[in-house]
Amino acid sequence: MTDCQKESIRLNRYMAMCGVAARRKVEEYISAGRVSINGETVNEPGRQVCKEDVVVFDSKILSPVELTYLIYHKPKGILCAVEDSREQTVIDILPTSMDHLRLFPVGRLDRESEGLIILTNDGMFSQDLIHPRNGITKTYEVELRKPLEEPRLIEWANGVVVEDRLLKPISVRRLGYKPLQCCFEVVLGEGIKREIRLMARALDNDVRKLMRRRIGKLELRNLKSGEYLSVSKDDLWAYIKNGKKKKKKANSIYRLKYDT
């Protein structure tokens, strides 16, 4: 066995380590012929990559980057995407010193919503976090435009049908400390795009304000809109699974400037 064979890794994993995307998405790029190794177009995700190899994706040479994990309070009005031709994204408002890290948001949170998201360049971590087998829930604080009577709340808890599909939260409860019977805590599992807004409309209501408060047991807490924490992967998993990190050392909070 050569030294290259001993130290090589699969192409899809290598690209995920370079922060391109999660492995499943990377495999689509490879199958589409967008990747080459040493000038040769490659279509097999399992192709082995050695440290001497030059891997190119869409005319850009790839190299592993420092894996980064940010706990971020996304402001309302900012798009949860890497890039957009018309809208300001969560990546646009990061410091330019982070451009080389090729960060991306894990999952989605629509433009008009705010709250907790995770930014990373670790495709494998992203895949693990969003995979249904891990059962990571997301908790939201929702303010509706109109009060919701008890029968409607029971209907919501049992699930509502939208376009022949049953949308059912893991749980929904009224927040008693909020006025007018308009505010609720909603817990979702895997979820679909704009699920809470779709459920609200099925209940003849609409969402006035939506904030994600938790991912697993990781809480937004004192992180203000536009602020982020940089943490280690181990600490981030500890927050998500246990609500606290392993080490006691405090993390620094960083404030981002952005156009509103």
C-alpha atoms as a PDB file:
ATOM      1  CA  MET A   1       0.000   0.000   0.000  1.00  0.00           C
ATOM      2  CA  THR A   2       1.374   3.400  -1.006  1.00  0.00           C
ATOM      3  CA  ASP A   3       1.608   6.411   1.331  1.00  0.00           C
ATOM      4  CA  CYS A   4      -1.152   8.043  -0.729  1.00  0.00           C
ATOM      5  CA  GLN A   5      -3.493   5.086  -0.188  1.00  0.00           C
ATOM      6  CA  LYS A   6      -2.807   5.149   3.550  1.00  0.00           C
ATOM      7  CA  GLU A   7      -3.629   8.843   3.898  1.00  0.00           C
ATOM      8  CA  SER A   8      -6.322   9.269   1.232  1.00  0.00           C
ATOM      9  CA  ILE A   9      -9.990  10.071   1.884  1.00  0.00           C
ATOM     10  CA  ARG A  10     -13.126   9.909  -0.219  1.00  0.00           C
ATOM     11  CA  LEU A  11     -13.755  12.873  -2.505  1.00  0.00           C
ATOM     12  CA  ASN A  12     -17.204  13.643  -1.051  1.00  0.00           C
ATOM     13  CA  ARG A  13     -15.775  13.770   2.457  1.00  0.00           C
ATOM     14  CA  TYR A  14     -12.828  15.911   1.334  1.00  0.00           C
ATOM     15  CA  MET A  15     -15.160  18.463  -0.244  1.00  0.00           C
ATOM     16  CA  ALA A  16     -17.288  18.562   2.897  1.00  0.00           C
ATOM     17  CA  MET A  17     -14.104  19.225   4.904  1.00  0.00           C
ATOM     18  CA  CYS A  18     -13.382  22.102   2.529  1.00  0.00           C
ATOM     19  CA  GLY A  19     -16.716  23.634   3.475  1.00  0.00           C
ATOM     20  CA  VAL A  20     -18.358  23.222   0.065  1.00  0.00           C
ATOM     21  CA  ALA A  21     -21.562  21.642   1.411  1.00  0.00           C
ATOM     22  CA  ALA A  22     -22.870  18.579   3.197  1.00  0.00           C
ATOM     23  CA  ARG A  23     -21.834  15.293   1.609  1.00  0.00           C
ATOM     24  CA  ARG A  24     -25.205  14.614  -0.014  1.00  0.00           C
ATOM     25  CA  LYS A  25     -25.137  17.960  -1.836  1.00  0.00           C
ATOM     26  CA  VAL A  26     -21.465  17.492  -2.695  1.00  0.00           C
ATOM     27  CA  GLU A  27     -22.322  14.197  -4.398  1.00  0.00           C
ATOM     28  CA  GLU A  28     -24.736  16.078  -6.675  1.00  0.00           C
ATOM     29  CA  TYR A  29     -21.924  18.460  -7.679  1.00  0.00           C
ATOM     30  CA  ILE A  30     -19.589  15.544  -8.398  1.00  0.00           C
ATOM     31  CA  SER A  31     -22.185  13.651 -10.459  1.00  0.00           C
ATOM     32  CA  ALA A  32     -22.825  16.823 -12.483  1.00  0.00           C
ATOM     33  CA  GLY A  33     -19.178  16.907 -13.595  1.00  0.00           C
ATOM     34  CA  ARG A  34     -18.283  20.086 -11.694  1.00  0.00           C
ATOM     35  CA  VAL A  35     -15.254  18.582  -9.940  1.00  0.00           C
ATOM     36  CA  SER A  36     -11.811  17.616 -11.196  1.00  0.00           C
ATOM     37  CA  ILE A  37      -8.750  16.025  -9.636  1.00  0.00           C
ATOM     38  CA  ASN A  38      -5.392  16.939 -11.172  1.00  0.00           C
ATOM     39  CA  GLY A  39      -7.172  18.237 -14.286  1.00  0.00           C
ATOM     40  CA  GLU A  40      -9.346  15.145 -14.779  1.00  0.00           C
ATOM     41  CA  THR A  41     -13.123  15.494 -14.381  1.00  0.00           C
ATOM     42  CA  VAL A  42     -14.378  13.042 -11.759  1.00  0.00           C
ATOM     43  CA  ASN A  43     -17.920  11.672 -11.400  1.00  0.00           C
ATOM     44  CA  GLU A  44     -17.436   9.211  -8.537  1.00  0.00           C
ATOM     45  CA  PRO A  45     -18.015  10.498  -4.960  1.00  0.00           C
ATOM     46  CA  GLY A  46     -15.934   7.603  -3.660  1.00  0.00           C
ATOM     47  CA  ARG A  47     -12.813   8.577  -5.609  1.00  0.00           C
ATOM     48  CA  GLN A  48      -9.843   8.758  -3.233  1.00  0.00           C
ATOM     49  CA  VAL A  49      -8.036  12.067  -2.708  1.00  0.00           C
ATOM     50  CA  CYS A  50      -4.408  12.261  -1.545  1.00  0.00           C
ATOM     51  CA  LYS A  51      -2.867  15.310   0.099  1.00  0.00           C
ATOM     52  CA  GLU A  52      -0.801  15.984  -3.053  1.00  0.00           C
ATOM     53  CA  ASP A  53      -3.887  16.069  -5.306  1.00  0.00           C
ATOM     54  CA  VAL A  54      -5.316  19.305  -6.689  1.00  0.00           C
ATOM     55  CA  VAL A  55      -9.100  19.281  -6.396  1.00  0.00           C
ATOM     56  CA  VAL A  56     -11.022  21.934  -8.350  1.00  0.00           C
ATOM     57  CA  PHE A  57     -14.722  22.761  -7.985  1.00  0.00           C
ATOM     58  CA  ASP A  58     -16.285  25.265 -10.400  1.00  0.00           C
ATOM     59  CA  SER A  59     -12.810  26.566 -11.369  1.00  0.00           C
ATOM     60  CA  LYS A  60     -11.780  27.078  -7.719  1.00  0.00           C
ATOM     61  CA  ILE A  61      -9.007  25.076  -6.074  1.00  0.00           C
ATOM     62  CA  LEU A  62     -10.230  23.504  -2.845  1.00  0.00           C
ATOM     63  CA  SER A  63      -8.297  23.107   0.370  1.00  0.00           C
ATOM     64  CA  PRO A  64      -9.469  22.150   3.860  1.00  0.00           C
ATOM     65  CA  VAL A  65     -10.292  25.179   5.996  1.00  0.00           C
ATOM     66  CA  GLU A  66     -10.377  25.715   9.733  1.00  0.00           C
ATOM     67  CA  LEU A  67     -13.672  24.248  10.882  1.00  0.00           C
ATOM     68  CA  THR A  68     -15.760  27.020  12.410  1.00  0.00           C
ATOM     69  CA  TYR A  69     -18.994  26.975  14.406  1.00  0.00           C
ATOM     70  CA  LEU A  70     -21.009  30.122  15.149  1.00  0.00           C
ATOM     71  CA  ILE A  71     -24.123  30.390  17.317  1.00  0.00           C
ATOM     72  CA  TYR A  72     -25.882  33.334  15.727  1.00  0.00           C
ATOM     73  CA  HIS A  73     -28.979  35.473  16.386  1.00  0.00           C
ATOM     74  CA  LYS A  74     -30.311  36.144  12.896  1.00  0.00           C
ATOM     75  CA  PRO A  75     -32.017  39.537  12.636  1.00  0.00           C
ATOM     76  CA  LYS A  76     -35.412  39.949  10.988  1.00  0.00           C
ATOM     77  CA  GLY A  77     -35.104  41.030   7.359  1.00  0.00           C
ATOM     78  CA  ILE A  78     -31.887  39.122   6.668  1.00  0.00           C
ATOM     79  CA  LEU A  79     -31.984  36.170   4.273  1.00  0.00           C
ATOM     80  CA  CYS A  80     -30.825  32.809   5.645  1.00  0.00           C
ATOM     81  CA  ALA A  81     -28.655  31.906   2.643  1.00  0.00           C
ATOM     82  CA  VAL A  82     -25.058  32.041   1.443  1.00  0.00           C
ATOM     83  CA  GLU A  83     -25.700  34.500  -1.383  1.00  0.00           C
ATOM     84  CA  ASP A  84     -28.527  36.270  -3.163  1.00  0.00           C
ATOM     85  CA  SER A  85     -28.521  38.766  -6.016  1.00  0.00           C
ATOM     86  CA  ARG A  86     -31.139  41.044  -4.410  1.00  0.00           C
ATOM     87  CA  GLU A  87     -31.262  40.413  -0.656  1.00  0.00           C
ATOM     88  CA  GLN A  88     -28.719  40.808   2.149  1.00  0.00           C
ATOM     89  CA  THR A  89     -27.804  37.403   3.578  1.00  0.00           C
ATOM     90  CA  VAL A  90     -26.447  36.178   6.907  1.00  0.00           C
ATOM     91  CA  ILE A  91     -23.089  35.605   5.195  1.00  0.00           C
ATOM     92  CA  ASP A  92     -23.016  39.132   3.719  1.00  0.00           C
ATOM     93  CA  ILE A  93     -23.009  40.719   7.185  1.00  0.00           C
ATOM     94  CA  LEU A  94     -20.163  38.631   8.583  1.00  0.00           C
ATOM     95  CA  PRO A  95     -16.743  40.320   8.832  1.00  0.00           C
ATOM     96  CA  THR A  96     -14.803  40.131   5.564  1.00  0.00           C
ATOM     97  CA  SER A  97     -12.023  38.424   7.517  1.00  0.00           C
ATOM     98  CA  MET A  98     -14.298  35.344   7.547  1.00  0.00           C
ATOM     99  CA  ASP A  99     -14.775  35.174   3.775  1.00  0.00           C
ATOM    100  CA  HIS A 100     -12.136  32.477   3.356  1.00  0.00           C
ATOM    101  CA  LEU A 101     -13.979  30.199   5.806  1.00  0.00           C
ATOM    102  CA  ARG A 102     -16.865  29.611   3.350  1.00  0.00           C
ATOM    103  CA  LEU A 103     -19.505  29.510   6.076  1.00  0.00           C
ATOM    104  CA  PHE A 104     -23.126  28.556   5.436  1.00  0.00           C
ATOM    105  CA  PRO A 105     -26.301  28.374   7.566  1.00  0.00           C
ATOM    106  CA  VAL A 106     -27.436  24.978   8.836  1.00  0.00           C
ATOM    107  CA  GLY A 107     -31.069  24.610   7.839  1.00  0.00           C
ATOM    108  CA  ARG A 108     -33.290  27.612   7.224  1.00  0.00           C
ATOM    109  CA  LEU A 109     -35.118  30.445   8.944  1.00  0.00           C
ATOM    110  CA  ASP A 110     -37.225  32.653   6.684  1.00  0.00           C
ATOM    111  CA  ARG A 111     -36.443  36.305   6.012  1.00  0.00           C
ATOM    112  CA  GLU A 112     -39.186  37.750   8.218  1.00  0.00           C
ATOM    113  CA  SER A 113     -38.279  35.520  11.182  1.00  0.00           C
ATOM    114  CA  GLU A 114     -35.448  36.029  13.638  1.00  0.00           C
ATOM    115  CA  GLY A 115     -33.596  34.018  16.210  1.00  0.00           C
ATOM    116  CA  LEU A 116     -31.211  31.149  16.650  1.00  0.00           C
ATOM    117  CA  ILE A 117     -29.289  29.653  13.729  1.00  0.00           C
ATOM    118  CA  ILE A 118     -25.912  27.951  13.382  1.00  0.00           C
ATOM    119  CA  LEU A 119     -23.302  28.973  10.816  1.00  0.00           C
ATOM    120  CA  THR A 120     -20.506  26.566   9.979  1.00  0.00           C
ATOM    121  CA  ASN A 121     -18.261  25.266   7.210  1.00  0.00           C
ATOM    122  CA  ASP A 122     -18.434  21.688   8.462  1.00  0.00           C
ATOM    123  CA  GLY A 123     -20.626  19.818   5.989  1.00  0.00           C
ATOM    124  CA  MET A 124     -20.587  16.608   8.016  1.00  0.00           C
ATOM    125  CA  PHE A 125     -21.700  18.415  11.174  1.00  0.00           C
ATOM    126  CA  SER A 126     -24.504  20.096   9.207  1.00  0.00           C
ATOM    127  CA  GLN A 127     -25.698  16.764   7.855  1.00  0.00           C
ATOM    128  CA  ASP A 128     -25.690  15.190  11.323  1.00  0.00           C
ATOM    129  CA  LEU A 129     -27.588  18.103  12.853  1.00  0.00           C
ATOM    130  CA  ILE A 130     -30.453  18.154  10.347  1.00  0.00           C
ATOM    131  CA  HIS A 131     -30.795  14.394   9.838  1.00  0.00           C
ATOM    132  CA  PRO A 132     -34.133  13.123  11.231  1.00  0.00           C
ATOM    133  CA  ARG A 133     -32.459  10.154  12.937  1.00  0.00           C
ATOM    134  CA  ASN A 134     -30.914  12.501  15.515  1.00  0.00           C
ATOM    135  CA  GLY A 135     -34.273  13.962  16.526  1.00  0.00           C
ATOM    136  CA  ILE A 136     -33.015  17.528  17.050  1.00  0.00           C
ATOM    137  CA  THR A 137     -36.071  19.711  17.716  1.00  0.00           C
ATOM    138  CA  LYS A 138     -36.468  23.456  17.181  1.00  0.00           C
ATOM    139  CA  THR A 139     -38.490  25.653  19.533  1.00  0.00           C
ATOM    140  CA  TYR A 140     -40.179  28.882  18.450  1.00  0.00           C
ATOM    141  CA  GLU A 141     -41.981  31.751  20.121  1.00  0.00           C
ATOM    142  CA  VAL A 142     -44.883  32.745  17.898  1.00  0.00           C
ATOM    143  CA  GLU A 143     -47.138  35.790  18.084  1.00  0.00           C
ATOM    144  CA  LEU A 144     -50.309  35.533  15.998  1.00  0.00           C
ATOM    145  CA  ARG A 145     -52.219  38.500  14.623  1.00  0.00           C
ATOM    146  CA  LYS A 146     -55.495  37.425  16.271  1.00  0.00           C
ATOM    147  CA  PRO A 147     -56.285  35.674  19.566  1.00  0.00           C
ATOM    148  CA  LEU A 148     -56.618  31.905  19.257  1.00  0.00           C
ATOM    149  CA  GLU A 149     -59.515  30.305  21.105  1.00  0.00           C
ATOM    150  CA  GLU A 150     -59.098  26.977  22.897  1.00  0.00           C
ATOM    151  CA  PRO A 151     -60.815  24.818  20.222  1.00  0.00           C
ATOM    152  CA  ARG A 152     -58.449  26.225  17.610  1.00  0.00           C
ATOM    153  CA  LEU A 153     -55.460  25.567  19.877  1.00  0.00           C
ATOM    154  CA  ILE A 154     -56.550  21.926  20.262  1.00  0.00           C
ATOM    155  CA  GLU A 155     -56.934  21.699  16.486  1.00  0.00           C
ATOM    156  CA  TRP A 156     -53.405  23.078  16.054  1.00  0.00           C
ATOM    157  CA  ALA A 157     -51.969  20.555  18.518  1.00  0.00           C
ATOM    158  CA  ASN A 158     -53.672  17.684  16.671  1.00  0.00           C
ATOM    159  CA  GLY A 159     -52.338  18.872  13.321  1.00  0.00           C
ATOM    160  CA  VAL A 160     -53.812  20.803  10.390  1.00  0.00           C
ATOM    161  CA  VAL A 161     -54.022  19.800   6.738  1.00  0.00           C
ATOM    162  CA  VAL A 162     -52.289  22.037   4.194  1.00  0.00           C
ATOM    163  CA  GLU A 163     -52.416  21.011   0.523  1.00  0.00           C
ATOM    164  CA  ASP A 164     -53.317  17.415   1.430  1.00  0.00           C
ATOM    165  CA  ARG A 165     -50.444  17.191   3.903  1.00  0.00           C
ATOM    166  CA  LEU A 166     -50.824  16.924   7.681  1.00  0.00           C
ATOM    167  CA  LEU A 167     -48.673  19.471   9.501  1.00  0.00           C
ATOM    168  CA  LYS A 168     -48.405  18.660  13.193  1.00  0.00           C
ATOM    169  CA  PRO A 169     -46.103  20.252  15.768  1.00  0.00           C
ATOM    170  CA  ILE A 170     -44.431  18.114  18.404  1.00  0.00           C
ATOM    171  CA  SER A 171     -46.077  20.440  20.919  1.00  0.00           C
ATOM    172  CA  VAL A 172     -47.780  23.815  21.124  1.00  0.00           C
ATOM    173  CA  ARG A 173     -48.688  25.696  24.288  1.00  0.00           C
ATOM    174  CA  ARG A 174     -49.996  29.100  25.159  1.00  0.00           C
ATOM    175  CA  LEU A 175     -47.523  31.510  26.748  1.00  0.00           C
ATOM    176  CA  GLY A 176     -49.501  32.741  29.730  1.00  0.00           C
ATOM    177  CA  TYR A 177     -47.225  35.666  30.480  1.00  0.00           C
ATOM    178  CA  LYS A 178     -48.076  37.247  27.126  1.00  0.00           C
ATOM    179  CA  PRO A 179     -51.261  39.310  26.633  1.00  0.00           C
ATOM    180  CA  LEU A 180     -54.286  38.802  24.380  1.00  0.00           C
ATOM    181  CA  GLN A 181     -53.917  35.015  23.969  1.00  0.00           C
ATOM    182  CA  CYS A 182     -51.843  35.581  20.833  1.00  0.00           C
ATOM    183  CA  CYS A 183     -48.474  34.126  21.884  1.00  0.00           C
ATOM    184  CA  PHE A 184     -47.398  30.478  21.807  1.00  0.00           C
ATOM    185  CA  GLU A 185     -44.411  28.184  22.116  1.00  0.00           C
ATOM    186  CA  VAL A 186     -44.220  25.768  19.187  1.00  0.00           C
ATOM    187  CA  VAL A 187     -41.819  22.816  18.968  1.00  0.00           C
ATOM    188  CA  LEU A 188     -41.098  21.267  15.569  1.00  0.00           C
ATOM    189  CA  GLY A 189     -39.183  18.196  14.468  1.00  0.00           C
ATOM    190  CA  GLU A 190     -37.888  17.847  10.921  1.00  0.00           C
ATOM    191  CA  GLY A 191     -40.228  20.549   9.636  1.00  0.00           C
ATOM    192  CA  ILE A 192     -40.891  21.979   6.182  1.00  0.00           C
ATOM    193  CA  LYS A 193     -40.372  25.435   4.703  1.00  0.00           C
ATOM    194  CA  ARG A 194     -42.485  28.119   6.454  1.00  0.00           C
ATOM    195  CA  GLU A 195     -44.350  25.415   8.377  1.00  0.00           C
ATOM    196  CA  ILE A 196     -45.545  27.596  11.268  1.00  0.00           C
ATOM    197  CA  ARG A 197     -46.848  30.278   8.893  1.00  0.00           C
ATOM    198  CA  LEU A 198     -48.692  27.626   6.874  1.00  0.00           C
ATOM    199  CA  MET A 199     -50.273  26.170  10.024  1.00  0.00           C
ATOM    200  CA  ALA A 200     -51.354  29.627  11.211  1.00  0.00           C
ATOM    201  CA  ARG A 201     -53.102  30.327   7.902  1.00  0.00           C
ATOM    202  CA  ALA A 202     -54.857  26.969   8.081  1.00  0.00           C
ATOM    203  CA  LEU A 203     -56.253  28.179  11.421  1.00  0.00           C
ATOM    204  CA  ASP A 204     -57.588  31.377   9.789  1.00  0.00           C
ATOM    205  CA  ASN A 205     -54.821  33.390  11.396  1.00  0.00           C
ATOM    206  CA  ASP A 206     -51.426  34.796  10.511  1.00  0.00           C
ATOM    207  CA  VAL A 207     -48.009  35.239  12.112  1.00  0.00           C
ATOM    208  CA  ARG A 208     -47.122  38.682  13.411  1.00  0.00           C
ATOM    209  CA  LYS A 209     -43.760  37.704  14.914  1.00  0.00           C
ATOM    210  CA  LEU A 210     -41.715  34.493  14.882  1.00  0.00           C
ATOM    211  CA  MET A 211     -38.525  33.871  16.823  1.00  0.00           C
ATOM    212  CA  ARG A 212     -36.557  30.630  17.089  1.00  0.00           C
ATOM    213  CA  ARG A 213     -35.536  30.234  20.717  1.00  0.00           C
ATOM    214  CA  ARG A 214     -33.892  26.802  20.823  1.00  0.00           C
ATOM    215  CA  ILE A 215     -32.177  24.163  18.709  1.00  0.00           C
ATOM    216  CA  GLY A 216     -32.300  20.991  20.769  1.00  0.00           C
ATOM    217  CA  LYS A 217     -31.377  22.260  24.234  1.00  0.00           C
ATOM    218  CA  LEU A 218     -29.237  25.101  22.895  1.00  0.00           C
ATOM    219  CA  GLU A 219     -30.947  28.358  23.899  1.00  0.00           C
ATOM    220  CA  LEU A 220     -30.746  31.853  22.449  1.00  0.00           C
ATOM    221  CA  ARG A 221     -30.612  33.360  25.962  1.00  0.00           C
ATOM    222  CA  ASN A 222     -28.794  36.718  26.098  1.00  0.00           C
ATOM    223  CA  LEU A 223     -27.575  36.733  22.508  1.00  0.00           C
ATOM    224  CA  LYS A 224     -28.986  39.906  20.951  1.00  0.00           C
ATOM    225  CA  SER A 225     -30.042  40.367  17.342  1.00  0.00           C
ATOM    226  CA  GLY A 226     -26.944  40.428  15.114  1.00  0.00           C
ATOM    227  CA  GLU A 227     -24.638  38.903  17.732  1.00  0.00           C
ATOM    228  CA  TYR A 228     -22.800  35.587  17.511  1.00  0.00           C
ATOM    229  CA  LEU A 229     -20.660  33.254  19.598  1.00  0.00           C
ATOM    230  CA  SER A 230     -17.775  31.243  18.190  1.00  0.00           C
ATOM    231  CA  VAL A 231     -17.586  27.833  19.866  1.00  0.00           C
ATOM    232  CA  SER A 232     -15.864  24.493  19.405  1.00  0.00           C
ATOM    233  CA  LYS A 233     -17.661  21.560  17.825  1.00  0.00           C
ATOM    234  CA  ASP A 234     -17.638  19.611  21.106  1.00  0.00           C
ATOM    235  CA  ASP A 235     -19.096  22.550  23.025  1.00  0.00           C
ATOM    236  CA  LEU A 236     -21.752  23.106  20.378  1.00  0.00           C
ATOM    237  CA  TRP A 237     -22.906  19.486  20.536  1.00  0.00           C
ATOM    238  CA  ALA A 238     -22.903  19.710  24.339  1.00  0.00           C
ATOM    239  CA  TYR A 239     -25.125  22.801  24.172  1.00  0.00           C
ATOM    240  CA  ILE A 240     -27.511  21.114  21.717  1.00  0.00           C
ATOM    241  CA  LYS A 241     -27.753  17.807  23.592  1.00  0.00           C
ATOM    242  CA  ASN A 242     -27.375  18.912  27.223  1.00  0.00           C
ATOM    243  CA  GLY A 243     -27.975  22.666  27.327  1.00  0.00           C
ATOM    244  CA  LYS A 244     -24.466  23.390  28.569  1.00  0.00           C
ATOM    245  CA  LYS A 245     -20.913  23.004  27.367  1.00  0.00           C
ATOM    246  CA  LYS A 246     -18.184  20.849  28.833  1.00  0.00           C
ATOM    247  CA  LYS A 247     -15.768  23.642  29.688  1.00  0.00           C
ATOM    248  CA  LYS A 248     -16.466  26.567  31.990  1.00  0.00           C
ATOM    249  CA  LYS A 249     -14.445  29.136  30.049  1.00  0.00           C
ATOM    250  CA  ALA A 250     -16.689  31.907  28.722  1.00  0.00           C
ATOM    251  CA  ASN A 251     -17.021  32.591  24.994  1.00  0.00           C
ATOM    252  CA  SER A 252     -16.782  36.123  23.611  1.00  0.00           C
ATOM    253  CA  ILE A 253     -19.902  37.638  22.047  1.00  0.00           C
ATOM    254  CA  TYR A 254     -19.392  39.503  18.753  1.00  0.00           C
ATOM    255  CA  ARG A 255     -21.731  42.150  17.401  1.00  0.00           C
ATOM    256  CA  LEU A 256     -22.299  42.458  13.639  1.00  0.00           C
ATOM    257  CA  LYS A 257     -23.151  45.679  11.836  1.00  0.00           C
ATOM    258  CA  TYR A 258     -25.738  45.438   9.092  1.00  0.00           C
ATOM    259  CA  ASP A 259     -28.178  47.594   7.135  1.00  0.00           C
ATOM    260  CA  THR A 260     -31.776  47.517   8.345  1.00  0.00           C
END
